[in-house]
Amino acid sequence: MEKDEIRAAIRAAKKEADKTQLAAWSEACCKNLLADPDIINARVVMLFHPLPDEINILPVLSALHALGKTVLLPEVIGPGEMWARVYDDEKNMSKSFFDIYIPKGAVFTELDKIDVIVCPGIAFDRELHRLGRGKGFYDGFLKAAPRAVKIGIGYPFQLVESVPVEPHDICMDKLMI
């Protein structure tokens, strides 16, 4: 399947999915993330503020912040570009491009200090390839933070047989699906 076909199939699966089941999968993913040794040992973790069709990891965001970890969220700053901002409170957020919530905290520039980056995606395969929304934001950012453990997360139906790969695509180190 081509990238656009996979994206369309996953969008359709998300629309057809039972909301109770999606919530249960989100809860299980959060528990798995919080029990993951890389997350437990991390000092700096980059998460994301979920869009309505993504795994709800807000409990992880709150838990890691409460544990005193430095929590980062991405902010889109231009075509194919994003940076990380420090998260300090759910009340200190604003909407940015694509109606994505971002923190108003400082821009985090020490990308070599990020221990874990949790990445949303449209689809993943068993070879740890990730298919995003097609704008290239994560691939560019992940290249700038090569030391970070990259964890792809999604619903079980987002695991596909094969994701088409291009030279600029960055693989995940592990998946939580």
N, C-alpha and C. Protein backbone atom coordinates (compact mmCIF):
# COMPACT_ATOMS: atom_id res chain seq x y z
N MET A 1 0.83 -1.20 0.00
CA MET A 1 0.00 0.00 0.00
C MET A 1 0.87 1.25 0.00
N GLU A 2 0.40 2.26 -0.65
CA GLU A 2 1.08 3.54 -0.66
C GLU A 2 0.73 4.31 0.62
N LYS A 3 1.52 5.34 0.92
CA LYS A 3 1.31 6.10 2.15
C LYS A 3 -0.10 6.68 2.26
N ASP A 4 -0.58 7.28 1.18
CA ASP A 4 -1.92 7.88 1.23
C ASP A 4 -3.01 6.83 1.44
N GLU A 5 -2.83 5.65 0.89
CA GLU A 5 -3.80 4.58 1.09
C GLU A 5 -3.81 4.11 2.55
N ILE A 6 -2.63 4.00 3.13
CA ILE A 6 -2.54 3.61 4.54
C ILE A 6 -3.20 4.67 5.41
N ARG A 7 -2.89 5.93 5.15
CA ARG A 7 -3.49 7.02 5.94
C ARG A 7 -5.01 6.98 5.85
N ALA A 8 -5.55 6.77 4.66
CA ALA A 8 -7.01 6.71 4.48
C ALA A 8 -7.60 5.52 5.22
N ALA A 9 -6.94 4.37 5.16
CA ALA A 9 -7.45 3.17 5.84
C ALA A 9 -7.44 3.36 7.36
N ILE A 10 -6.40 3.98 7.89
CA ILE A 10 -6.33 4.19 9.34
C ILE A 10 -7.36 5.24 9.76
N ARG A 11 -7.52 6.30 8.99
CA ARG A 11 -8.56 7.30 9.31
C ARG A 11 -9.93 6.63 9.37
N ALA A 12 -10.21 5.76 8.42
CA ALA A 12 -11.51 5.06 8.40
C ALA A 12 -11.64 4.15 9.62
N ALA A 13 -10.57 3.45 9.98
CA ALA A 13 -10.61 2.57 11.15
C ALA A 13 -10.85 3.36 12.42
N LYS A 14 -10.26 4.54 12.52
CA LYS A 14 -10.46 5.38 13.71
C LYS A 14 -11.91 5.83 13.82
N LYS A 15 -12.50 6.19 12.69
CA LYS A 15 -13.90 6.63 12.69
C LYS A 15 -14.85 5.51 13.08
N GLU A 16 -14.52 4.29 12.68
CA GLU A 16 -15.38 3.14 12.96
C GLU A 16 -15.16 2.55 14.35
N ALA A 17 -14.05 2.88 14.98
CA ALA A 17 -13.69 2.26 16.26
C ALA A 17 -14.64 2.68 17.37
N ASP A 18 -14.87 1.74 18.27
CA ASP A 18 -15.72 1.98 19.44
C ASP A 18 -14.98 2.92 20.41
N LYS A 19 -15.64 3.98 20.85
CA LYS A 19 -15.02 4.98 21.72
C LYS A 19 -14.58 4.38 23.05
N THR A 20 -15.35 3.43 23.57
CA THR A 20 -14.97 2.77 24.82
C THR A 20 -13.70 1.96 24.63
N GLN A 21 -13.59 1.29 23.50
CA GLN A 21 -12.39 0.51 23.22
C GLN A 21 -11.18 1.41 23.03
N LEU A 22 -11.36 2.55 22.34
CA LEU A 22 -10.26 3.49 22.16
C LEU A 22 -9.76 4.01 23.52
N ALA A 23 -10.70 4.30 24.41
CA ALA A 23 -10.33 4.77 25.75
C ALA A 23 -9.57 3.69 26.52
N ALA A 24 -10.00 2.45 26.39
CA ALA A 24 -9.31 1.34 27.07
C ALA A 24 -7.90 1.16 26.52
N TRP A 25 -7.74 1.27 25.21
CA TRP A 25 -6.41 1.17 24.61
C TRP A 25 -5.52 2.32 25.07
N SER A 26 -6.09 3.52 25.15
CA SER A 26 -5.32 4.68 25.63
C SER A 26 -4.85 4.46 27.06
N GLU A 27 -5.75 3.96 27.89
CA GLU A 27 -5.40 3.70 29.30
C GLU A 27 -4.29 2.66 29.41
N ALA A 28 -4.39 1.59 28.63
CA ALA A 28 -3.36 0.55 28.65
C ALA A 28 -2.02 1.10 28.16
N CYS A 29 -2.05 1.93 27.14
CA CYS A 29 -0.82 2.52 26.61
C CYS A 29 -0.17 3.41 27.67
N CYS A 30 -0.97 4.18 28.38
CA CYS A 30 -0.44 5.05 29.44
C CYS A 30 0.23 4.22 30.53
N LYS A 31 -0.41 3.14 30.94
CA LYS A 31 0.18 2.26 31.97
C LYS A 31 1.51 1.69 31.48
N ASN A 32 1.53 1.25 30.22
CA ASN A 32 2.76 0.70 29.66
C ASN A 32 3.87 1.75 29.57
N LEU A 33 3.52 2.95 29.18
CA LEU A 33 4.52 4.02 29.11
C LEU A 33 5.09 4.30 30.49
N LEU A 34 4.22 4.42 31.49
CA LEU A 34 4.69 4.75 32.83
C LEU A 34 5.51 3.63 33.46
N ALA A 35 5.36 2.40 32.96
CA ALA A 35 6.14 1.26 33.46
C ALA A 35 7.39 0.99 32.63
N ASP A 36 7.57 1.71 31.55
CA ASP A 36 8.70 1.47 30.66
C ASP A 36 10.00 1.94 31.32
N PRO A 37 11.04 1.08 31.33
CA PRO A 37 12.31 1.46 31.97
C PRO A 37 12.94 2.73 31.41
N ASP A 38 12.82 2.95 30.11
CA ASP A 38 13.40 4.16 29.53
C ASP A 38 12.68 5.41 30.05
N ILE A 39 11.37 5.33 30.21
CA ILE A 39 10.60 6.46 30.77
C ILE A 39 10.94 6.63 32.25
N ILE A 40 10.98 5.53 32.98
CA ILE A 40 11.27 5.59 34.41
C ILE A 40 12.62 6.24 34.66
N ASN A 41 13.63 5.89 33.88
CA ASN A 41 14.98 6.40 34.09
C ASN A 41 15.26 7.75 33.42
N ALA A 42 14.33 8.22 32.63
CA ALA A 42 14.53 9.48 31.91
C ALA A 42 14.43 10.69 32.83
N ARG A 43 15.21 11.69 32.48
CA ARG A 43 15.09 12.98 33.15
C ARG A 43 14.30 13.96 32.28
N VAL A 44 14.49 13.83 30.96
CA VAL A 44 13.83 14.73 30.00
C VAL A 44 13.06 13.87 29.01
N VAL A 45 11.75 14.08 28.95
CA VAL A 45 10.87 13.30 28.07
C VAL A 45 10.05 14.25 27.21
N MET A 46 10.05 13.97 25.91
CA MET A 46 9.20 14.73 25.01
C MET A 46 7.97 13.89 24.69
N LEU A 47 6.81 14.45 24.97
CA LEU A 47 5.53 13.80 24.68
C LEU A 47 4.85 14.62 23.59
N PHE A 48 3.54 14.58 23.55
CA PHE A 48 2.76 15.41 22.64
C PHE A 48 1.39 15.59 23.28
N HIS A 49 0.75 16.69 22.96
CA HIS A 49 -0.62 16.90 23.42
C HIS A 49 -1.51 16.28 22.35
N PRO A 50 -2.26 15.22 22.70
CA PRO A 50 -2.94 14.45 21.65
C PRO A 50 -4.05 15.20 20.92
N LEU A 51 -4.11 14.94 19.64
CA LEU A 51 -5.26 15.37 18.85
C LEU A 51 -6.40 14.42 19.16
N PRO A 52 -7.63 14.78 18.83
CA PRO A 52 -8.78 13.91 19.17
C PRO A 52 -8.69 12.49 18.64
N ASP A 53 -7.95 12.26 17.56
CA ASP A 53 -7.87 10.92 16.99
C ASP A 53 -6.62 10.14 17.42
N GLU A 54 -5.87 10.66 18.40
CA GLU A 54 -4.65 10.01 18.86
C GLU A 54 -4.82 9.41 20.25
N ILE A 55 -3.92 8.50 20.59
CA ILE A 55 -3.89 7.93 21.94
C ILE A 55 -3.88 9.08 22.94
N ASN A 56 -4.74 9.01 23.94
CA ASN A 56 -4.80 10.06 24.96
C ASN A 56 -3.72 9.80 26.01
N ILE A 57 -2.60 10.50 25.88
CA ILE A 57 -1.51 10.32 26.84
C ILE A 57 -1.45 11.45 27.87
N LEU A 58 -2.52 12.20 28.02
CA LEU A 58 -2.52 13.28 29.01
C LEU A 58 -2.22 12.77 30.43
N PRO A 59 -2.69 11.57 30.83
CA PRO A 59 -2.31 11.09 32.16
C PRO A 59 -0.80 10.90 32.32
N VAL A 60 -0.13 10.51 31.26
CA VAL A 60 1.33 10.35 31.31
C VAL A 60 1.99 11.71 31.45
N LEU A 61 1.51 12.67 30.71
CA LEU A 61 2.03 14.03 30.78
C LEU A 61 1.96 14.54 32.22
N SER A 62 0.80 14.41 32.84
CA SER A 62 0.62 14.86 34.22
C SER A 62 1.49 14.08 35.20
N ALA A 63 1.54 12.76 35.04
CA ALA A 63 2.30 11.92 35.96
C ALA A 63 3.79 12.23 35.90
N LEU A 64 4.34 12.35 34.70
CA LEU A 64 5.77 12.63 34.58
C LEU A 64 6.12 14.01 35.11
N HIS A 65 5.24 14.97 34.87
CA HIS A 65 5.47 16.31 35.40
C HIS A 65 5.43 16.28 36.93
N ALA A 66 4.48 15.55 37.49
CA ALA A 66 4.38 15.43 38.95
C ALA A 66 5.60 14.75 39.56
N LEU A 67 6.26 13.88 38.79
CA LEU A 67 7.47 13.20 39.27
C LEU A 67 8.72 14.08 39.18
N GLY A 68 8.55 15.29 38.65
CA GLY A 68 9.68 16.21 38.57
C GLY A 68 10.52 16.08 37.32
N LYS A 69 10.06 15.30 36.37
CA LYS A 69 10.81 15.18 35.12
C LYS A 69 10.58 16.44 34.28
N THR A 70 11.54 16.75 33.44
CA THR A 70 11.34 17.82 32.47
C THR A 70 10.52 17.24 31.34
N VAL A 71 9.34 17.79 31.13
CA VAL A 71 8.43 17.31 30.10
C VAL A 71 8.38 18.36 29.00
N LEU A 72 8.56 17.90 27.79
CA LEU A 72 8.54 18.77 26.62
C LEU A 72 7.38 18.40 25.72
N LEU A 73 6.88 19.40 25.00
CA LEU A 73 5.86 19.18 23.98
C LEU A 73 6.31 19.88 22.71
N PRO A 74 5.97 19.33 21.56
CA PRO A 74 6.40 19.96 20.30
C PRO A 74 5.56 21.18 19.94
N GLU A 75 6.21 22.08 19.21
CA GLU A 75 5.51 23.22 18.62
C GLU A 75 5.95 23.33 17.17
N VAL A 76 4.99 23.36 16.26
CA VAL A 76 5.27 23.56 14.85
C VAL A 76 5.64 25.03 14.67
N ILE A 77 6.78 25.27 14.02
CA ILE A 77 7.24 26.66 13.84
C ILE A 77 7.31 27.07 12.38
N GLY A 78 7.12 26.13 11.47
CA GLY A 78 7.16 26.44 10.05
C GLY A 78 7.04 25.16 9.25
N PRO A 79 7.05 25.27 7.94
CA PRO A 79 6.92 24.07 7.10
C PRO A 79 7.99 23.03 7.43
N GLY A 80 7.55 21.87 7.89
CA GLY A 80 8.46 20.77 8.20
C GLY A 80 9.35 21.01 9.41
N GLU A 81 9.08 22.03 10.20
CA GLU A 81 9.93 22.35 11.34
C GLU A 81 9.14 22.42 12.64
N MET A 82 9.75 21.88 13.69
CA MET A 82 9.18 22.03 15.02
C MET A 82 10.31 22.11 16.03
N TRP A 83 9.97 22.62 17.19
CA TRP A 83 10.91 22.61 18.30
C TRP A 83 10.16 22.17 19.53
N ALA A 84 10.86 22.09 20.64
CA ALA A 84 10.26 21.61 21.88
C ALA A 84 10.13 22.76 22.87
N ARG A 85 9.00 22.77 23.57
CA ARG A 85 8.78 23.74 24.64
C ARG A 85 8.60 22.99 25.95
N VAL A 86 9.01 23.61 27.04
CA VAL A 86 8.89 23.02 28.36
C VAL A 86 7.45 23.15 28.84
N TYR A 87 6.90 22.02 29.27
CA TYR A 87 5.54 21.96 29.82
C TYR A 87 5.61 22.22 31.32
N ASP A 88 4.75 23.12 31.82
CA ASP A 88 4.74 23.34 33.26
C ASP A 88 3.35 23.21 33.88
N ASP A 89 2.31 23.33 33.09
CA ASP A 89 0.97 23.25 33.66
C ASP A 89 -0.05 23.20 32.52
N GLU A 90 -1.07 22.39 32.70
CA GLU A 90 -2.12 22.26 31.68
C GLU A 90 -2.84 23.59 31.44
N LYS A 91 -2.82 24.47 32.45
CA LYS A 91 -3.49 25.77 32.31
C LYS A 91 -2.64 26.76 31.53
N ASN A 92 -1.36 26.47 31.36
CA ASN A 92 -0.44 27.37 30.70
C ASN A 92 -0.17 26.90 29.26
N MET A 93 -1.27 26.72 28.51
CA MET A 93 -1.19 26.20 27.15
C MET A 93 -1.93 27.14 26.20
N SER A 94 -1.57 27.06 24.93
CA SER A 94 -2.29 27.80 23.91
C SER A 94 -2.38 26.93 22.67
N LYS A 95 -3.30 27.29 21.77
CA LYS A 95 -3.43 26.54 20.51
C LYS A 95 -2.51 27.13 19.47
N SER A 96 -1.95 26.24 18.66
CA SER A 96 -1.02 26.65 17.62
C SER A 96 -1.53 26.11 16.28
N PHE A 97 -0.59 25.92 15.34
CA PHE A 97 -0.95 25.35 14.04
C PHE A 97 -1.73 24.05 14.22
N PHE A 98 -2.65 23.78 13.33
CA PHE A 98 -3.41 22.53 13.29
C PHE A 98 -4.21 22.29 14.58
N ASP A 99 -4.51 23.36 15.34
CA ASP A 99 -5.25 23.26 16.61
C ASP A 99 -4.56 22.36 17.63
N ILE A 100 -3.24 22.36 17.61
CA ILE A 100 -2.45 21.58 18.56
C ILE A 100 -2.14 22.45 19.76
N TYR A 101 -2.37 21.90 20.96
CA TYR A 101 -2.04 22.63 22.17
C TYR A 101 -0.53 22.57 22.42
N ILE A 102 0.01 23.73 22.76
CA ILE A 102 1.44 23.81 23.07
C ILE A 102 1.61 24.57 24.39
N PRO A 103 2.67 24.25 25.12
CA PRO A 103 2.92 24.99 26.36
C PRO A 103 3.49 26.37 26.05
N LYS A 104 3.29 27.29 26.97
CA LYS A 104 3.85 28.63 26.82
C LYS A 104 5.24 28.71 27.44
N GLY A 105 5.76 27.57 27.94
CA GLY A 105 7.08 27.53 28.57
C GLY A 105 8.20 27.82 27.59
N ALA A 106 9.40 27.87 28.11
CA ALA A 106 10.59 28.20 27.33
C ALA A 106 10.85 27.16 26.23
N VAL A 107 11.49 27.60 25.17
CA VAL A 107 11.94 26.70 24.12
C VAL A 107 13.13 25.91 24.70
N PHE A 108 13.11 24.60 24.50
CA PHE A 108 14.17 23.73 25.00
C PHE A 108 15.14 23.50 23.86
N THR A 109 16.35 23.96 24.02
CA THR A 109 17.32 23.90 22.91
C THR A 109 18.38 22.83 23.07
N GLU A 110 18.47 22.21 24.24
CA GLU A 110 19.50 21.19 24.48
C GLU A 110 18.99 19.82 24.07
N LEU A 111 18.83 19.64 22.76
CA LEU A 111 18.21 18.42 22.25
C LEU A 111 19.00 17.17 22.58
N ASP A 112 20.28 17.30 22.82
CA ASP A 112 21.09 16.14 23.19
C ASP A 112 20.80 15.66 24.61
N LYS A 113 20.01 16.42 25.37
CA LYS A 113 19.65 16.03 26.73
C LYS A 113 18.28 15.34 26.80
N ILE A 114 17.60 15.23 25.67
CA ILE A 114 16.30 14.54 25.65
C ILE A 114 16.57 13.05 25.73
N ASP A 115 16.01 12.40 26.74
CA ASP A 115 16.21 10.97 26.94
C ASP A 115 15.23 10.12 26.14
N VAL A 116 13.97 10.55 26.07
CA VAL A 116 12.93 9.78 25.38
C VAL A 116 12.04 10.74 24.61
N ILE A 117 11.68 10.34 23.40
CA ILE A 117 10.68 11.06 22.61
C ILE A 117 9.57 10.08 22.28
N VAL A 118 8.36 10.39 22.74
CA VAL A 118 7.19 9.56 22.45
C VAL A 118 6.52 10.18 21.22
N CYS A 119 6.40 9.37 20.16
CA CYS A 119 5.94 9.87 18.87
C CYS A 119 4.58 9.30 18.48
N PRO A 120 3.65 10.17 18.15
CA PRO A 120 2.41 9.68 17.56
C PRO A 120 2.68 9.30 16.11
N GLY A 121 1.77 8.62 15.50
CA GLY A 121 1.92 8.27 14.10
C GLY A 121 0.58 7.83 13.55
N ILE A 122 0.50 7.75 12.25
CA ILE A 122 -0.69 7.21 11.60
C ILE A 122 -0.60 5.69 11.57
N ALA A 123 0.60 5.18 11.27
CA ALA A 123 0.80 3.73 11.20
C ALA A 123 2.25 3.40 11.53
N PHE A 124 2.43 2.16 11.97
CA PHE A 124 3.75 1.63 12.29
C PHE A 124 3.80 0.20 11.75
N ASP A 125 5.03 -0.30 11.56
CA ASP A 125 5.15 -1.72 11.21
C ASP A 125 6.12 -2.39 12.18
N ARG A 126 6.24 -3.70 12.07
CA ARG A 126 7.08 -4.46 13.01
C ARG A 126 8.57 -4.17 12.84
N GLU A 127 8.93 -3.54 11.76
CA GLU A 127 10.33 -3.15 11.54
C GLU A 127 10.60 -1.79 12.20
N LEU A 128 9.61 -1.26 12.93
CA LEU A 128 9.70 -0.01 13.68
C LEU A 128 9.68 1.24 12.80
N HIS A 129 9.17 1.09 11.57
CA HIS A 129 8.98 2.26 10.71
C HIS A 129 7.72 2.99 11.15
N ARG A 130 7.74 4.29 10.99
CA ARG A 130 6.62 5.15 11.39
C ARG A 130 6.12 5.92 10.17
N LEU A 131 4.81 5.97 10.03
CA LEU A 131 4.18 6.79 9.00
C LEU A 131 3.45 7.91 9.73
N GLY A 132 3.88 9.15 9.49
CA GLY A 132 3.23 10.30 10.11
C GLY A 132 2.14 10.86 9.24
N ARG A 133 1.80 12.09 9.51
CA ARG A 133 0.73 12.76 8.77
C ARG A 133 1.21 13.34 7.45
N GLY A 134 2.52 13.27 7.20
CA GLY A 134 3.04 13.66 5.89
C GLY A 134 3.68 15.03 5.81
N LYS A 135 3.88 15.67 6.93
CA LYS A 135 4.47 17.02 6.92
C LYS A 135 5.97 17.00 7.27
N GLY A 136 6.48 15.88 7.80
CA GLY A 136 7.90 15.75 8.08
C GLY A 136 8.39 16.38 9.37
N PHE A 137 7.48 16.82 10.24
CA PHE A 137 7.89 17.50 11.46
C PHE A 137 8.73 16.60 12.37
N TYR A 138 8.26 15.39 12.61
CA TYR A 138 8.98 14.51 13.53
C TYR A 138 10.30 14.02 12.95
N ASP A 139 10.34 13.67 11.69
CA ASP A 139 11.60 13.17 11.11
C ASP A 139 12.72 14.19 11.25
N GLY A 140 12.42 15.44 10.96
CA GLY A 140 13.44 16.48 11.10
C GLY A 140 13.88 16.66 12.54
N PHE A 141 12.92 16.65 13.46
CA PHE A 141 13.25 16.83 14.87
C PHE A 141 14.04 15.65 15.41
N LEU A 142 13.64 14.44 15.04
CA LEU A 142 14.31 13.24 15.54
C LEU A 142 15.78 13.19 15.09
N LYS A 143 16.06 13.69 13.91
CA LYS A 143 17.45 13.75 13.44
C LYS A 143 18.29 14.65 14.33
N ALA A 144 17.67 15.69 14.87
CA ALA A 144 18.40 16.65 15.72
C ALA A 144 18.56 16.15 17.15
N ALA A 145 17.90 15.06 17.50
CA ALA A 145 17.98 14.49 18.86
C ALA A 145 18.29 13.00 18.76
N PRO A 146 19.43 12.63 18.17
CA PRO A 146 19.71 11.22 17.88
C PRO A 146 19.91 10.33 19.12
N ARG A 147 20.25 10.91 20.25
CA ARG A 147 20.49 10.15 21.48
C ARG A 147 19.18 9.66 22.12
N ALA A 148 18.10 10.33 21.86
CA ALA A 148 16.82 10.01 22.50
C ALA A 148 16.29 8.65 22.05
N VAL A 149 15.71 7.92 23.01
CA VAL A 149 14.98 6.69 22.69
C VAL A 149 13.65 7.12 22.09
N LYS A 150 13.33 6.56 20.94
CA LYS A 150 12.12 6.94 20.23
C LYS A 150 11.06 5.85 20.40
N ILE A 151 9.93 6.22 21.01
CA ILE A 151 8.85 5.27 21.26
C ILE A 151 7.64 5.69 20.44
N GLY A 152 7.24 4.86 19.50
CA GLY A 152 6.04 5.11 18.72
C GLY A 152 4.83 4.53 19.43
N ILE A 153 3.74 5.30 19.48
CA ILE A 153 2.53 4.79 20.13
C ILE A 153 1.33 4.95 19.22
N GLY A 154 0.41 4.00 19.36
CA GLY A 154 -0.81 4.04 18.58
C GLY A 154 -1.76 2.94 19.01
N TYR A 155 -2.89 2.91 18.37
CA TYR A 155 -3.90 1.88 18.62
C TYR A 155 -3.48 0.59 17.90
N PRO A 156 -3.97 -0.56 18.33
CA PRO A 156 -3.58 -1.82 17.68
C PRO A 156 -3.80 -1.85 16.17
N PHE A 157 -4.86 -1.22 15.68
CA PHE A 157 -5.13 -1.24 14.24
C PHE A 157 -4.17 -0.34 13.46
N GLN A 158 -3.31 0.38 14.15
CA GLN A 158 -2.32 1.22 13.49
C GLN A 158 -1.03 0.45 13.17
N LEU A 159 -0.97 -0.79 13.61
CA LEU A 159 0.16 -1.65 13.26
C LEU A 159 -0.19 -2.32 11.94
N VAL A 160 0.57 -2.00 10.90
CA VAL A 160 0.30 -2.52 9.56
C VAL A 160 1.43 -3.43 9.12
N GLU A 161 1.18 -4.15 8.04
CA GLU A 161 2.18 -5.09 7.55
C GLU A 161 3.48 -4.40 7.16
N SER A 162 3.35 -3.28 6.43
CA SER A 162 4.55 -2.61 5.95
C SER A 162 4.26 -1.12 5.75
N VAL A 163 5.19 -0.29 6.21
CA VAL A 163 5.12 1.15 5.99
C VAL A 163 6.14 1.50 4.91
N PRO A 164 5.74 2.19 3.84
CA PRO A 164 6.70 2.62 2.83
C PRO A 164 7.75 3.53 3.47
N VAL A 165 9.01 3.31 3.13
CA VAL A 165 10.11 4.04 3.77
C VAL A 165 10.87 4.86 2.74
N GLU A 166 11.23 6.08 3.15
CA GLU A 166 12.06 6.95 2.33
C GLU A 166 13.35 7.23 3.10
N PRO A 167 14.40 7.68 2.42
CA PRO A 167 15.69 7.88 3.08
C PRO A 167 15.65 8.80 4.30
N HIS A 168 14.76 9.78 4.32
CA HIS A 168 14.70 10.74 5.44
C HIS A 168 13.91 10.21 6.64
N ASP A 169 13.22 9.09 6.50
CA ASP A 169 12.38 8.56 7.58
C ASP A 169 13.25 8.01 8.72
N ILE A 170 12.83 8.29 9.94
CA ILE A 170 13.53 7.84 11.13
C ILE A 170 12.72 6.71 11.78
N CYS A 171 13.39 5.60 12.09
CA CYS A 171 12.73 4.47 12.74
C CYS A 171 12.57 4.73 14.24
N MET A 172 11.61 4.07 14.80
CA MET A 172 11.41 4.07 16.25
C MET A 172 12.36 3.04 16.86
N ASP A 173 12.62 3.18 18.15
CA ASP A 173 13.39 2.19 18.88
C ASP A 173 12.49 1.11 19.47
N LYS A 174 11.24 1.48 19.72
CA LYS A 174 10.24 0.53 20.22
C LYS A 174 8.86 1.08 19.95
N LEU A 175 7.88 0.17 20.00
CA LEU A 175 6.48 0.55 19.79
C LEU A 175 5.65 0.15 21.00
N MET A 176 4.62 0.93 21.26
CA MET A 176 3.61 0.60 22.26
C MET A 176 2.27 0.69 21.56
N ILE A 177 1.82 -0.46 21.11
CA ILE A 177 0.57 -0.53 20.35
C ILE A 177 -0.29 -1.61 20.94
